[in-house]
Amino acid sequence: MIGNTVSGFNVLQDVANLAIRESNIYGNGVQQTPFNCGIISGSGIVIVATDNFWGSASGPGPDPADQTCLFGTTRAVTTPFAVTPFRIRIGGAPFAEAD
């Protein structure tokens, strides 16, 4: 989830056993308020979002990383997080990373 104009992930409702893992989540939410949201949710659940690269080696937070934008009783577990971006392969060839 890289470079989306809204959030990377928008969790709208209670989803049992939701887990987001081993993903690149950054550069999202440039045209919404709040800005810079890799995950946005007010669903009231615990979102397990471990082992993701958030755009910074220090995990979710301000630019260049994305943050979690959570409302109400929604919570996210983000540690441990990846400190480098994941390389994505399509058909055996590496996918070019966005700058």
Protein backbone atom coordinates (compact mmCIF):
# COMPACT_ATOMS: atom_id res chain seq x y z
CA MET A 1 0.00 0.00 0.00
CA ILE A 2 2.19 2.80 -1.31
CA GLY A 3 1.17 6.25 -2.52
CA ASN A 4 -2.61 6.12 -2.18
CA THR A 5 -4.36 9.50 -2.09
CA VAL A 6 -6.54 8.36 0.79
CA SER A 7 -5.36 5.83 3.40
CA GLY A 8 -3.47 2.64 2.69
CA PHE A 9 -5.99 0.49 4.58
CA ASN A 10 -9.43 1.74 5.62
CA VAL A 11 -11.05 -0.68 8.07
CA LEU A 12 -14.74 0.21 8.17
CA GLN A 13 -16.23 -2.54 10.30
CA ASP A 14 -15.47 -5.23 12.83
CA VAL A 15 -13.49 -7.93 11.05
CA ALA A 16 -12.59 -11.05 13.02
CA ASN A 17 -8.90 -11.93 13.09
CA LEU A 18 -7.74 -9.02 10.91
CA ALA A 19 -3.97 -9.13 10.33
CA ILE A 20 -1.86 -7.01 8.00
CA ARG A 21 1.67 -8.40 7.74
CA GLU A 22 4.84 -8.15 5.66
CA SER A 23 3.64 -5.13 3.69
CA ASN A 24 5.06 -1.76 2.66
CA ILE A 25 2.73 0.92 4.05
CA TYR A 26 3.85 4.49 3.30
CA GLY A 27 3.19 7.58 1.18
CA ASN A 28 -0.56 7.30 1.79
CA GLY A 29 -3.23 9.79 2.79
CA VAL A 30 -2.08 12.93 0.99
CA GLN A 31 -5.61 14.09 0.18
CA GLN A 32 -7.57 13.35 3.32
CA THR A 33 -7.84 14.58 6.89
CA PRO A 34 -6.13 13.32 8.96
CA PHE A 35 -3.15 13.13 6.61
CA ASN A 36 -0.45 10.46 6.39
CA CYS A 37 -2.59 7.46 7.39
CA GLY A 38 -1.31 4.00 6.53
CA ILE A 39 -4.29 2.56 8.39
CA ILE A 40 -7.44 4.46 9.30
CA SER A 41 -10.19 2.92 11.39
CA GLY A 42 -12.88 3.58 13.93
CA SER A 43 -14.11 0.00 13.87
CA GLY A 44 -13.48 -0.67 17.56
CA ILE A 45 -11.28 -3.72 16.97
CA VAL A 46 -7.63 -4.55 17.56
CA ILE A 47 -5.79 -4.53 14.23
CA VAL A 48 -2.68 -6.71 14.17
CA ALA A 49 -0.27 -4.90 11.83
CA THR A 50 3.09 -6.43 12.71
CA ASP A 51 6.15 -6.98 10.52
CA ASN A 52 5.31 -4.12 8.13
CA PHE A 53 7.59 -1.40 6.76
CA TRP A 54 5.99 2.00 7.48
CA GLY A 55 8.35 4.21 5.47
CA SER A 56 10.90 4.65 8.25
CA ALA A 57 13.19 2.32 10.19
CA SER A 58 11.57 3.66 13.39
CA GLY A 59 8.11 2.35 12.48
CA PRO A 60 4.80 4.21 12.16
CA GLY A 61 4.81 7.95 12.76
CA PRO A 62 5.34 11.28 11.02
CA ASP A 63 6.74 11.60 7.47
CA PRO A 64 8.47 9.86 5.86
CA ALA A 65 6.56 7.09 7.66
CA ASP A 66 2.81 6.59 7.69
CA GLN A 67 0.93 6.52 10.95
CA THR A 68 -2.05 4.64 12.29
CA CYS A 69 -5.11 6.89 12.50
CA LEU A 70 -7.37 5.15 14.99
CA PHE A 71 -10.55 6.43 16.58
CA GLY A 72 -12.74 5.37 19.49
CA THR A 73 -11.71 2.05 21.00
CA THR A 74 -9.78 0.88 17.91
CA ARG A 75 -6.22 -0.20 18.68
CA ALA A 76 -3.32 -1.45 16.55
CA VAL A 77 -0.38 -3.69 17.36
CA THR A 78 2.48 -2.58 15.09
CA THR A 79 5.57 -4.03 16.77
CA PRO A 80 7.73 -5.63 15.72
CA PHE A 81 7.99 -3.70 12.45
CA ALA A 82 10.30 -4.10 9.46
CA VAL A 83 13.20 -1.63 9.26
CA THR A 84 13.66 -1.84 5.48
CA PRO A 85 11.14 -2.04 2.62
CA PHE A 86 10.08 -5.40 1.30
CA ARG A 87 11.23 -6.26 -2.22
CA ILE A 88 8.28 -7.46 -4.25
CA ARG A 89 8.75 -9.97 -7.05
CA ILE A 90 6.31 -10.38 -9.91
CA GLY A 91 6.96 -13.31 -12.22
CA GLY A 92 10.42 -13.78 -10.72
CA ALA A 93 11.63 -10.25 -11.55
CA PRO A 94 11.99 -7.63 -8.79
CA PHE A 95 9.35 -4.93 -8.80
CA ALA A 96 10.83 -1.42 -8.92
CA GLU A 97 10.37 0.45 -5.65
CA ALA A 98 8.60 3.81 -5.80
CA ASP A 99 10.75 6.81 -4.88
